[in-house]
Protein backbone atom coordinates (compact mmCIF):
# COMPACT_ATOMS: atom_id res chain seq x y z
CA MET A 1 -122.05 -154.70 -10.25
CA TRP A 2 -124.53 -157.08 -11.93
CA LYS A 3 -125.04 -158.50 -8.36
CA ASN A 4 -126.09 -155.12 -7.29
CA TYR A 5 -128.55 -154.53 -10.18
CA LEU A 6 -130.19 -157.91 -9.31
CA LYS A 7 -130.60 -157.04 -5.58
CA ILE A 8 -132.12 -153.54 -6.53
CA MET A 9 -134.45 -155.53 -9.00
CA TYR A 10 -135.51 -157.83 -6.42
CA ARG A 11 -136.20 -155.41 -3.83
CA ASN A 12 -138.17 -153.33 -6.13
CA LEU A 13 -140.38 -156.20 -7.25
CA TRP A 14 -141.25 -157.18 -3.60
CA ARG A 15 -141.75 -153.54 -2.59
CA TYR A 16 -144.01 -152.42 -5.51
CA LYS A 17 -145.82 -155.92 -6.40
CA ALA A 18 -148.86 -154.51 -8.22
CA TYR A 19 -146.87 -151.92 -10.37
CA SER A 20 -144.20 -154.70 -11.14
CA LEU A 21 -146.84 -157.25 -12.26
CA LEU A 22 -148.55 -154.50 -14.34
CA ASN A 23 -145.37 -153.64 -15.97
CA ILE A 24 -144.26 -157.41 -16.68
CA LEU A 25 -147.71 -158.15 -17.93
CA GLY A 26 -147.78 -155.11 -20.14
CA LEU A 27 -144.13 -155.93 -21.58
CA SER A 28 -145.16 -159.61 -22.09
CA ILE A 29 -148.32 -158.67 -23.93
CA GLY A 30 -146.58 -156.19 -26.04
CA LEU A 31 -143.83 -158.70 -27.03
CA ALA A 32 -146.29 -161.30 -27.87
CA SER A 33 -148.50 -159.14 -30.14
CA THR A 34 -145.21 -157.85 -31.88
CA PHE A 35 -144.11 -161.50 -32.72
CA LEU A 36 -147.82 -162.42 -33.69
CA ILE A 37 -148.10 -159.42 -36.04
CA PHE A 38 -144.49 -160.24 -37.61
CA PHE A 39 -145.31 -163.95 -38.20
CA VAL A 40 -148.90 -163.30 -39.60
CA GLY A 41 -147.44 -160.54 -41.74
CA THR A 42 -144.53 -162.36 -43.26
CA SER A 43 -146.44 -165.65 -43.67
CA GLY A 44 -149.23 -164.02 -45.56
CA THR A 45 -146.97 -162.40 -48.14
CA GLN A 46 -145.16 -164.83 -50.39
CA LEU A 47 -142.98 -163.35 -53.13
């Protein structure tokens, strides 16, 4: 079952290259900014 999911994922990545790149880029920017906000927020408040 996982093999089928991976096959579909690779097929869609190659078929829709620009759309996939935009989604992956947006996800990575969102995760990086979330971690940055979390680390800055926790390091600024010392109890």
